[in-house]
PDB file of N, CA and C in Angstrom:
ATOM      1  N   UNK A   1       0.705  -1.120  -0.202  1.00  0.00           N
ATOM      2  CA  UNK A   1       0.084   0.070   0.009  1.00  0.00           C
ATOM      3  C   UNK A   1       1.012   1.216  -0.027  1.00  0.00           C
ATOM      4  N   UNK A   2       0.637   2.092  -0.936  1.00  0.00           N
ATOM      5  CA  UNK A   2       1.385   3.155  -1.139  1.00  0.00           C
ATOM      6  C   UNK A   2       0.785   4.712  -0.693  1.00  0.00           C
ATOM      7  N   UNK A   3       1.313   5.781  -0.398  1.00  0.00           N
ATOM      8  CA  UNK A   3       0.389   6.940  -0.055  1.00  0.00           C
ATOM      9  C   UNK A   3       1.164   7.956  -1.380  1.00  0.00           C
ATOM     10  N   UNK A   4      -0.094   9.003  -1.663  1.00  0.00           N
ATOM     11  CA  UNK A   4       0.212   9.937  -2.384  1.00  0.00           C
ATOM     12  C   UNK A   4      -0.142  11.274  -1.999  1.00  0.00           C
ATOM     13  N   UNK A   5       0.750  12.130  -2.088  1.00  0.00           N
ATOM     14  CA  UNK A   5       0.505  13.469  -1.596  1.00  0.00           C
ATOM     15  C   UNK A   5       0.251  14.599  -2.496  1.00  0.00           C
ATOM     16  N   UNK A   6      -1.004  15.363  -2.447  1.00  0.00           N
ATOM     17  CA  UNK A   6      -1.114  16.294  -3.610  1.00  0.00           C
ATOM     18  C   UNK A   6      -0.652  17.634  -2.928  1.00  0.00           C
ATOM     19  N   UNK A   7       0.048  18.436  -3.984  1.00  0.00           N
ATOM     20  CA  UNK A   7       0.306  19.574  -3.414  1.00  0.00           C
ATOM     21  C   UNK A   7      -0.005  20.909  -4.572  1.00  0.00           C
ATOM     22  N   UNK A   8      -0.596  21.916  -3.760  1.00  0.00           N
ATOM     23  CA  UNK A   8      -1.196  22.890  -4.272  1.00  0.00           C
ATOM     24  C   UNK A   8      -0.127  24.133  -4.076  1.00  0.00           C
ATOM     25  N   UNK A   9      -1.218  25.269  -4.310  1.00  0.00           N
ATOM     26  CA  UNK A   9      -0.336  26.624  -4.203  1.00  0.00           C
ATOM     27  C   UNK A   9       0.424  27.026  -2.895  1.00  0.00           C
ATOM     28  N   UNK A  10       1.566  27.312  -3.166  1.00  0.00           N
ATOM     29  CA  UNK A  10       2.603  27.572  -2.257  1.00  0.00           C
ATOM     30  C   UNK A  10       3.214  26.380  -1.768  1.00  0.00           C
ATOM     31  N   UNK A  11       3.264  25.180  -2.455  1.00  0.00           N
ATOM     32  CA  UNK A  11       3.785  23.909  -2.238  1.00  0.00           C
ATOM     33  C   UNK A  11       3.194  23.268  -1.085  1.00  0.00           C
ATOM     34  N   UNK A  12       1.944  23.641  -0.567  1.00  0.00           N
ATOM     35  CA  UNK A  12       1.222  23.065   0.366  1.00  0.00           C
ATOM     36  C   UNK A  12       0.520  21.891   0.206  1.00  0.00           C
ATOM     37  N   UNK A  13       0.720  20.835   1.047  1.00  0.00           N
ATOM     38  CA  UNK A  13      -0.157  19.690   0.923  1.00  0.00           C
ATOM     39  C   UNK A  13      -1.608  19.667   1.041  1.00  0.00           C
ATOM     40  N   UNK A  14      -2.529  19.399   0.093  1.00  0.00           N
ATOM     41  CA  UNK A  14      -3.797  19.601   0.446  1.00  0.00           C
ATOM     42  C   UNK A  14      -4.666  18.273   0.524  1.00  0.00           C
ATOM     43  N   UNK A  15      -3.957  17.276   0.070  1.00  0.00           N
ATOM     44  CA  UNK A  15      -4.661  15.954   0.431  1.00  0.00           C
ATOM     45  C   UNK A  15      -3.664  14.826   0.197  1.00  0.00           C
ATOM     46  N   UNK A  16      -3.793  13.643   0.926  1.00  0.00           N
ATOM     47  CA  UNK A  16      -3.297  12.614   0.885  1.00  0.00           C
ATOM     48  C   UNK A  16      -4.099  11.234   0.566  1.00  0.00           C
ATOM     49  N   UNK A  17      -3.548  10.534  -0.354  1.00  0.00           N
ATOM     50  CA  UNK A  17      -4.536   9.308  -0.525  1.00  0.00           C
ATOM     51  C   UNK A  17      -3.855   8.125  -0.497  1.00  0.00           C
ATOM     52  N   UNK A  18      -4.327   6.946  -0.235  1.00  0.00           N
ATOM     53  CA  UNK A  18      -3.901   5.690  -0.384  1.00  0.00           C
ATOM     54  C   UNK A  18      -4.006   5.068  -1.479  1.00  0.00           C
ATOM     55  N   UNK A  19      -2.819   4.708  -2.509  1.00  0.00           N
ATOM     56  CA  UNK A  19      -2.896   4.530  -3.418  1.00  0.00           C
ATOM     57  C   UNK A  19      -2.035   3.095  -3.826  1.00  0.00           C
ATOM     58  N   UNK A  20      -1.898   2.828  -5.057  1.00  0.00           N
ATOM     59  CA  UNK A  20      -1.194   1.489  -5.577  1.00  0.00           C
ATOM     60  C   UNK A  20       0.297   1.403  -5.535  1.00  0.00           C
ATOM     61  N   UNK A  21       0.970   0.397  -5.197  1.00  0.00           N
ATOM     62  CA  UNK A  21       2.464   0.532  -4.865  1.00  0.00           C
ATOM     63  C   UNK A  21       2.874   0.496  -6.304  1.00  0.00           C
ATOM     64  N   UNK A  22       4.320   1.118  -6.286  1.00  0.00           N
ATOM     65  CA  UNK A  22       4.830   1.501  -7.232  1.00  0.00           C
ATOM     66  C   UNK A  22       5.235   0.270  -8.362  1.00  0.00           C
ATOM     67  N   UNK A  23       5.546  -0.801  -7.647  1.00  0.00           N
ATOM     68  CA  UNK A  23       5.884  -1.965  -8.382  1.00  0.00           C
ATOM     69  C   UNK A  23       4.546  -2.789  -9.270  1.00  0.00           C
ATOM     70  N   UNK A  24       3.359  -1.930  -8.934  1.00  0.00           N
ATOM     71  CA  UNK A  24       2.280  -2.939  -9.440  1.00  0.00           C
ATOM     72  C   UNK A  24       1.994  -2.197 -10.742  1.00  0.00           C
ATOM     73  N   UNK A  25       1.394  -2.958 -11.783  1.00  0.00           N
ATOM     74  CA  UNK A  25       1.089  -2.610 -13.490  1.00  0.00           C
ATOM     75  C   UNK A  25      -0.301  -2.998 -13.336  1.00  0.00           C
ATOM     76  N   UNK A  26      -1.337  -2.230 -14.131  1.00  0.00           N
ATOM     77  CA  UNK A  26      -2.528  -2.511 -14.290  1.00  0.00           C
ATOM     78  C   UNK A  26      -2.910  -1.992 -15.899  1.00  0.00           C
ATOM     79  N   UNK A  27      -4.084  -2.711 -16.273  1.00  0.00           N
ATOM     80  CA  UNK A  27      -4.397  -2.068 -17.488  1.00  0.00           C
ATOM     81  C   UNK A  27      -5.595  -1.424 -17.512  1.00  0.00           C
ATOM     82  N   UNK A  28      -6.115  -0.350 -18.048  1.00  0.00           N
ATOM     83  CA  UNK A  28      -7.204   0.465 -18.201  1.00  0.00           C
ATOM     84  C   UNK A  28      -8.150  -0.219 -19.116  1.00  0.00           C
ATOM     85  N   UNK A  29      -9.172   0.156 -19.013  1.00  0.00           N
ATOM     86  CA  UNK A  29     -10.196  -0.111 -19.951  1.00  0.00           C
ATOM     87  C   UNK A  29     -10.060   0.201 -21.315  1.00  0.00           C
ATOM     88  N   UNK A  30      -9.357   1.120 -21.662  1.00  0.00           N
ATOM     89  CA  UNK A  30      -9.115   1.424 -22.956  1.00  0.00           C
ATOM     90  C   UNK A  30      -7.702   0.615 -23.408  1.00  0.00           C
ATOM     91  N   UNK A  31      -6.877  -0.334 -22.851  1.00  0.00           N
ATOM     92  CA  UNK A  31      -5.905  -0.917 -23.081  1.00  0.00           C
ATOM     93  C   UNK A  31      -4.670  -0.360 -22.674  1.00  0.00           C
ATOM     94  N   UNK A  32      -4.758   0.910 -21.717  1.00  0.00           N
ATOM     95  CA  UNK A  32      -3.130   1.547 -21.634  1.00  0.00           C
ATOM     96  C   UNK A  32      -3.092   0.823 -20.223  1.00  0.00           C
ATOM     97  N   UNK A  33      -1.715   0.587 -20.221  1.00  0.00           N
ATOM     98  CA  UNK A  33      -0.766  -0.027 -19.403  1.00  0.00           C
ATOM     99  C   UNK A  33      -0.222   1.268 -18.195  1.00  0.00           C
ATOM    100  N   UNK A  34      -0.550   1.188 -17.108  1.00  0.00           N
ATOM    101  CA  UNK A  34      -0.433   2.174 -15.923  1.00  0.00           C
ATOM    102  C   UNK A  34       0.247   1.585 -15.126  1.00  0.00           C
ATOM    103  N   UNK A  35       1.645   2.266 -14.557  1.00  0.00           N
ATOM    104  CA  UNK A  35       2.156   1.866 -13.298  1.00  0.00           C
ATOM    105  C   UNK A  35       3.551   1.381 -13.520  1.00  0.00           C
ATOM    106  N   UNK A  36       4.274   0.604 -12.694  1.00  0.00           N
ATOM    107  CA  UNK A  36       5.334   0.021 -12.749  1.00  0.00           C
ATOM    108  C   UNK A  36       6.485   0.860 -12.093  1.00  0.00           C
ATOM    109  N   UNK A  37       6.169   2.132 -11.659  1.00  0.00           N
ATOM    110  CA  UNK A  37       7.110   3.272 -10.927  1.00  0.00           C
ATOM    111  C   UNK A  37       6.505   4.068 -10.140  1.00  0.00           C
ATOM    112  N   UNK A  38       7.316   4.602  -9.237  1.00  0.00           N
ATOM    113  CA  UNK A  38       6.516   5.742  -8.405  1.00  0.00           C
ATOM    114  C   UNK A  38       6.100   6.823  -9.307  1.00  0.00           C
ATOM    115  N   UNK A  39       6.840   7.349 -10.068  1.00  0.00           N
ATOM    116  CA  UNK A  39       6.899   8.564 -11.238  1.00  0.00           C
ATOM    117  C   UNK A  39       5.654   8.245 -12.058  1.00  0.00           C
ATOM    118  N   UNK A  40       5.351   7.087 -12.385  1.00  0.00           N
ATOM    119  CA  UNK A  40       4.299   6.612 -13.237  1.00  0.00           C
ATOM    120  C   UNK A  40       3.045   6.694 -12.423  1.00  0.00           C
ATOM    121  N   UNK A  41       2.869   6.289 -11.378  1.00  0.00           N
ATOM    122  CA  UNK A  41       1.811   6.412 -10.520  1.00  0.00           C
ATOM    123  C   UNK A  41       1.447   7.688 -10.076  1.00  0.00           C
ATOM    124  N   UNK A  42       2.608   8.430  -9.600  1.00  0.00           N
ATOM    125  CA  UNK A  42       2.238  10.028  -9.253  1.00  0.00           C
ATOM    126  C   UNK A  42       1.766  10.749 -10.582  1.00  0.00           C
ATOM    127  N   UNK A  43       2.273  10.608 -11.800  1.00  0.00           N
ATOM    128  CA  UNK A  43       1.679  11.166 -12.924  1.00  0.00           C
ATOM    129  C   UNK A  43       0.208  10.395 -13.337  1.00  0.00           C
ATOM    130  N   UNK A  44      -0.005   9.413 -13.057  1.00  0.00           N
ATOM    131  CA  UNK A  44      -1.184   8.696 -13.189  1.00  0.00           C
ATOM    132  C   UNK A  44      -2.335   9.268 -12.134  1.00  0.00           C
ATOM    133  N   UNK A  45      -1.971   9.373 -10.936  1.00  0.00           N
ATOM    134  CA  UNK A  45      -3.150  10.268 -10.305  1.00  0.00           C
ATOM    135  C   UNK A  45      -3.111  11.586 -10.403  1.00  0.00           C
ATOM    136  N   UNK A  46      -2.234  12.199 -10.423  1.00  0.00           N
ATOM    137  CA  UNK A  46      -1.993  13.715 -10.967  1.00  0.00           C
ATOM    138  C   UNK A  46      -2.596  14.085 -12.261  1.00  0.00           C
ATOM    139  N   UNK A  47      -2.962  13.119 -12.980  1.00  0.00           N
ATOM    140  CA  UNK A  47      -3.859  13.206 -14.256  1.00  0.00           C
ATOM    141  C   UNK A  47      -5.334  13.232 -14.013  1.00  0.00           C
ATOM    142  N   UNK A  48      -5.745  12.582 -12.963  1.00  0.00           N
ATOM    143  CA  UNK A  48      -7.094  12.443 -12.499  1.00  0.00           C
ATOM    144  C   UNK A  48      -8.044  13.701 -12.537  1.00  0.00           C
ATOM    145  N   UNK A  49      -9.062  13.870 -13.188  1.00  0.00           N
ATOM    146  CA  UNK A  49     -10.006  15.081 -13.261  1.00  0.00           C
ATOM    147  C   UNK A  49     -10.047  15.875 -11.779  1.00  0.00           C
ATOM    148  N   UNK A  50      -9.893  14.777 -10.516  1.00  0.00           N
ATOM    149  CA  UNK A  50     -10.403  15.588  -9.424  1.00  0.00           C
ATOM    150  C   UNK A  50      -8.860  16.189  -8.987  1.00  0.00           C
ATOM    151  N   UNK A  51      -7.923  16.021  -9.717  1.00  0.00           N
ATOM    152  CA  UNK A  51      -6.471  16.498  -9.030  1.00  0.00           C
ATOM    153  C   UNK A  51      -5.939  17.562  -9.950  1.00  0.00           C
ATOM    154  N   UNK A  52      -6.949  18.131 -10.606  1.00  0.00           N
ATOM    155  CA  UNK A  52      -6.414  19.040 -11.606  1.00  0.00           C
ATOM    156  C   UNK A  52      -5.766  20.098 -11.120  1.00  0.00           C
ATOM    157  N   UNK A  53      -4.420  20.615 -11.638  1.00  0.00           N
ATOM    158  CA  UNK A  53      -3.908  21.869 -11.141  1.00  0.00           C
ATOM    159  C   UNK A  53      -2.742  21.429 -10.011  1.00  0.00           C
ATOM    160  N   UNK A  54      -3.125  20.069  -9.301  1.00  0.00           N
ATOM    161  CA  UNK A  54      -2.383  19.874  -8.323  1.00  0.00           C
ATOM    162  C   UNK A  54      -1.085  18.776  -8.554  1.00  0.00           C
ATOM    163  N   UNK A  55      -0.007  18.789  -7.968  1.00  0.00           N
ATOM    164  CA  UNK A  55       1.286  18.180  -8.254  1.00  0.00           C
ATOM    165  C   UNK A  55       1.291  17.072  -7.109  1.00  0.00           C
ATOM    166  N   UNK A  56       1.448  15.764  -7.725  1.00  0.00           N
ATOM    167  CA  UNK A  56       1.376  14.634  -6.778  1.00  0.00           C
ATOM    168  C   UNK A  56       2.576  14.009  -6.751  1.00  0.00           C
ATOM    169  N   UNK A  57       2.959  13.638  -5.249  1.00  0.00           N
ATOM    170  CA  UNK A  57       4.261  13.237  -4.943  1.00  0.00           C
ATOM    171  C   UNK A  57       4.082  11.964  -3.824  1.00  0.00           C
ATOM    172  N   UNK A  58       4.896  10.769  -3.956  1.00  0.00           N
ATOM    173  CA  UNK A  58       4.598   9.823  -3.224  1.00  0.00           C
ATOM    174  C   UNK A  58       5.064  10.046  -1.974  1.00  0.00           C
ATOM    175  N   UNK A  59       4.574   9.475  -0.909  1.00  0.00           N
ATOM    176  CA  UNK A  59       5.469   9.548   0.765  1.00  0.00           C
ATOM    177  C   UNK A  59       4.946   8.377   1.052  1.00  0.00           C
ATOM    178  N   UNK A  60       5.529   8.462   2.451  1.00  0.00           N
ATOM    179  CA  UNK A  60       5.654   7.030   3.293  1.00  0.00           C
ATOM    180  C   UNK A  60       5.455   7.150   4.366  1.00  0.00           C
ATOM    181  N   UNK A  61       4.686   6.390   5.488  1.00  0.00           N
ATOM    182  CA  UNK A  61       4.968   6.283   6.759  1.00  0.00           C
ATOM    183  C   UNK A  61       6.463   6.117   7.253  1.00  0.00           C
ATOM    184  N   UNK A  62       7.248   5.464   6.785  1.00  0.00           N
ATOM    185  CA  UNK A  62       8.481   4.817   7.413  1.00  0.00           C
ATOM    186  C   UNK A  62       9.564   5.794   7.200  1.00  0.00           C
ATOM    187  N   UNK A  63       9.541   6.983   6.366  1.00  0.00           N
ATOM    188  CA  UNK A  63      10.385   8.025   6.085  1.00  0.00           C
ATOM    189  C   UNK A  63      11.213   7.710   5.135  1.00  0.00           C
ATOM    190  N   UNK A  64      11.139   6.588   4.720  1.00  0.00           N
ATOM    191  CA  UNK A  64      12.207   6.321   3.491  1.00  0.00           C
ATOM    192  C   UNK A  64      12.223   7.015   2.315  1.00  0.00           C
ATOM    193  N   UNK A  65      10.997   7.817   1.891  1.00  0.00           N
ATOM    194  CA  UNK A  65      10.868   8.481   0.893  1.00  0.00           C
ATOM    195  C   UNK A  65      10.430   9.932   1.163  1.00  0.00           C
ATOM    196  N   UNK A  66      11.305  10.555   0.725  1.00  0.00           N
ATOM    197  CA  UNK A  66      10.867  12.380   0.875  1.00  0.00           C
ATOM    198  C   UNK A  66      10.932  12.745   2.358  1.00  0.00           C
ATOM    199  N   UNK A  67      11.683  12.397   3.018  1.00  0.00           N
ATOM    200  CA  UNK A  67      11.992  12.570   4.458  1.00  0.00           C
ATOM    201  C   UNK A  67      11.163  12.439   5.646  1.00  0.00           C
ATOM    202  N   UNK A  68       9.877  12.698   5.359  1.00  0.00           N
ATOM    203  CA  UNK A  68       8.806  12.201   6.390  1.00  0.00           C
ATOM    204  C   UNK A  68       7.541  12.255   5.794  1.00  0.00           C
ATOM    205  N   UNK A  69       6.453  11.332   6.358  1.00  0.00           N
ATOM    206  CA  UNK A  69       5.048  11.350   5.939  1.00  0.00           C
ATOM    207  C   UNK A  69       4.681  12.572   5.803  1.00  0.00           C
ATOM    208  N   UNK A  70       3.980  13.007   4.564  1.00  0.00           N
ATOM    209  CA  UNK A  70       3.316  14.116   4.357  1.00  0.00           C
ATOM    210  C   UNK A  70       1.660  14.286   4.944  1.00  0.00           C
ATOM    211  N   UNK A  71       1.363  15.269   5.608  1.00  0.00           N
ATOM    212  CA  UNK A  71       0.281  15.619   6.229  1.00  0.00           C
ATOM    213  C   UNK A  71      -0.109  16.702   5.479  1.00  0.00           C
ATOM    214  N   UNK A  72      -1.814  17.007   5.440  1.00  0.00           N
ATOM    215  CA  UNK A  72      -2.159  18.249   5.095  1.00  0.00           C
ATOM    216  C   UNK A  72      -1.760  19.209   5.807  1.00  0.00           C
ATOM    217  N   UNK A  73      -1.442  20.416   5.071  1.00  0.00           N
ATOM    218  CA  UNK A  73      -0.515  21.394   5.720  1.00  0.00           C
ATOM    219  C   UNK A  73       0.609  21.403   5.657  1.00  0.00           C
ATOM    220  N   UNK A  74       1.344  20.319   5.361  1.00  0.00           N
ATOM    221  CA  UNK A  74       2.927  20.248   5.396  1.00  0.00           C
ATOM    222  C   UNK A  74       3.195  21.007   3.883  1.00  0.00           C
ATOM    223  N   UNK A  75       4.718  21.497   3.802  1.00  0.00           N
ATOM    224  CA  UNK A  75       5.191  21.916   2.691  1.00  0.00           C
ATOM    225  C   UNK A  75       5.841  21.040   2.061  1.00  0.00           C
ATOM    226  N   UNK A  76       5.890  20.700   0.618  1.00  0.00           N
ATOM    227  CA  UNK A  76       6.858  20.274  -0.200  1.00  0.00           C
ATOM    228  C   UNK A  76       7.859  21.035  -0.653  1.00  0.00           C
ATOM    229  N   UNK A  77       9.373  20.744  -0.421  1.00  0.00           N
ATOM    230  CA  UNK A  77      10.387  21.453  -0.763  1.00  0.00           C
ATOM    231  C   UNK A  77      11.032  20.932  -2.077  1.00  0.00           C
ATOM    232  N   UNK A  78      10.743  21.457  -3.391  1.00  0.00           N
ATOM    233  CA  UNK A  78      11.366  20.688  -4.710  1.00  0.00           C
ATOM    234  C   UNK A  78      12.705  20.550  -4.790  1.00  0.00           C
ATOM    235  N   UNK A  79      13.531  21.502  -4.078  1.00  0.00           N
ATOM    236  CA  UNK A  79      14.868  21.391  -3.845  1.00  0.00           C
ATOM    237  C   UNK A  79      15.499  20.282  -3.431  1.00  0.00           C
ATOM    238  N   UNK A  80      14.912  20.053  -2.215  1.00  0.00           N
ATOM    239  CA  UNK A  80      15.505  18.798  -1.427  1.00  0.00           C
ATOM    240  C   UNK A  80      14.741  17.361  -1.636  1.00  0.00           C
ATOM    241  N   UNK A  81      13.365  17.901  -2.543  1.00  0.00           N
ATOM    242  CA  UNK A  81      12.604  16.797  -2.747  1.00  0.00           C
ATOM    243  C   UNK A  81      12.141  16.071  -1.461  1.00  0.00           C
ATOM    244  N   UNK A  82      11.567  16.674  -0.380  1.00  0.00           N
ATOM    245  CA  UNK A  82      11.305  16.278   0.739  1.00  0.00           C
ATOM    246  C   UNK A  82       9.814  17.313   1.588  1.00  0.00           C
ATOM    247  N   UNK A  83       9.333  16.488   2.087  1.00  0.00           N
ATOM    248  CA  UNK A  83       7.914  17.136   2.693  1.00  0.00           C
ATOM    249  C   UNK A  83       8.619  18.068   4.331  1.00  0.00           C
ATOM    250  N   UNK A  84       8.133  18.975   4.280  1.00  0.00           N
ATOM    251  CA  UNK A  84       8.436  19.597   5.895  1.00  0.00           C
ATOM    252  C   UNK A  84       7.115  19.936   6.632  1.00  0.00           C
ATOM    253  N   UNK A  85       7.383  19.174   7.789  1.00  0.00           N
ATOM    254  CA  UNK A  85       6.026  19.681   8.711  1.00  0.00           C
ATOM    255  C   UNK A  85       5.981  21.056   8.949  1.00  0.00           C
ATOM    256  N   UNK A  86       4.701  21.590   9.418  1.00  0.00           N
ATOM    257  CA  UNK A  86       4.770  23.246   9.893  1.00  0.00           C
ATOM    258  C   UNK A  86       5.315  23.137  10.864  1.00  0.00           C
ATOM    259  N   UNK A  87       5.502  24.314  11.369  1.00  0.00           N
ATOM    260  CA  UNK A  87       5.860  24.869  12.664  1.00  0.00           C
ATOM    261  C   UNK A  87       4.746  25.218  13.278  1.00  0.00           C
ATOM    262  N   UNK A  88       4.838  24.457  14.770  1.00  0.00           N
ATOM    263  CA  UNK A  88       3.791  24.791  15.636  1.00  0.00           C
ATOM    264  C   UNK A  88       4.241  25.787  16.844  1.00  0.00           C
ATOM    265  N   UNK A  89       3.903  26.886  17.131  1.00  0.00           N
ATOM    266  CA  UNK A  89       4.392  27.692  18.119  1.00  0.00           C
ATOM    267  C   UNK A  89       3.722  27.455  19.520  1.00  0.00           C
ATOM    268  N   UNK A  90       4.314  27.150  20.432  1.00  0.00           N
ATOM    269  CA  UNK A  90       3.536  27.015  21.736  1.00  0.00           C
ATOM    270  C   UNK A  90       3.321  28.533  22.083  1.00  0.00           C
ATOM    271  N   UNK A  91       1.706  28.459  22.769  1.00  0.00           N
ATOM    272  CA  UNK A  91       1.367  29.795  23.499  1.00  0.00           C
ATOM    273  C   UNK A  91       2.297  30.012  24.634  1.00  0.00           C
ATOM    274  N   UNK A  92       2.512  31.330  24.748  1.00  0.00           N
ATOM    275  CA  UNK A  92       3.235  31.687  25.622  1.00  0.00           C
ATOM    276  C   UNK A  92       2.398  32.727  26.685  1.00  0.00           C
ATOM    277  N   UNK A  93       2.597  33.027  28.086  1.00  0.00           N
ATOM    278  CA  UNK A  93       1.910  33.873  28.770  1.00  0.00           C
ATOM    279  C   UNK A  93       2.861  35.017  29.027  1.00  0.00           C
ATOM    280  N   UNK A  94       2.365  35.725  29.962  1.00  0.00           N
ATOM    281  CA  UNK A  94       3.159  37.262  30.253  1.00  0.00           C
ATOM    282  C   UNK A  94       4.731  36.970  30.458  1.00  0.00           C
ATOM    283  N   UNK A  95       4.927  35.835  31.426  1.00  0.00           N
ATOM    284  CA  UNK A  95       6.267  35.791  31.641  1.00  0.00           C
ATOM    285  C   UNK A  95       6.977  34.728  30.784  1.00  0.00           C
ATOM    286  N   UNK A  96       6.651  34.569  29.493  1.00  0.00           N
ATOM    287  CA  UNK A  96       7.242  33.450  28.701  1.00  0.00           C
ATOM    288  C   UNK A  96       7.045  32.344  29.251  1.00  0.00           C
ATOM    289  N   UNK A  97       5.477  31.974  30.010  1.00  0.00           N
ATOM    290  CA  UNK A  97       5.823  30.385  30.318  1.00  0.00           C
ATOM    291  C   UNK A  97       4.757  29.933  29.194  1.00  0.00           C
ATOM    292  N   UNK A  98       5.074  28.626  29.061  1.00  0.00           N
ATOM    293  CA  UNK A  98       4.059  27.727  28.082  1.00  0.00           C
ATOM    294  C   UNK A  98       2.786  27.655  28.592  1.00  0.00           C
ATOM    295  N   UNK A  99       1.844  27.933  27.966  1.00  0.00           N
ATOM    296  CA  UNK A  99       0.355  27.676  28.535  1.00  0.00           C
ATOM    297  C   UNK A  99      -0.265  26.454  28.185  1.00  0.00           C
TER     298      UNK A  99
END
């Protein structure tokens, strides 16, 4: 089972889906063979009408692909080809204590 992240404006992840493993190939109804690599499946999912205008990149729970598992709100860095978690700031009180 593979996971794919969809990246929109500002390189932000807007959707993550469960998809087909990169080693799997299948034949569409029109006879087109799809798959066989991560890149082929990324292109397949990216070309679906519901993902129009979004970039698709494979992600994984074990961190072996693109640094970390992508979640909604993460950023995709095309230079390092990795997903980056959003920075969460702790709320602080008057004396700089964490609330």
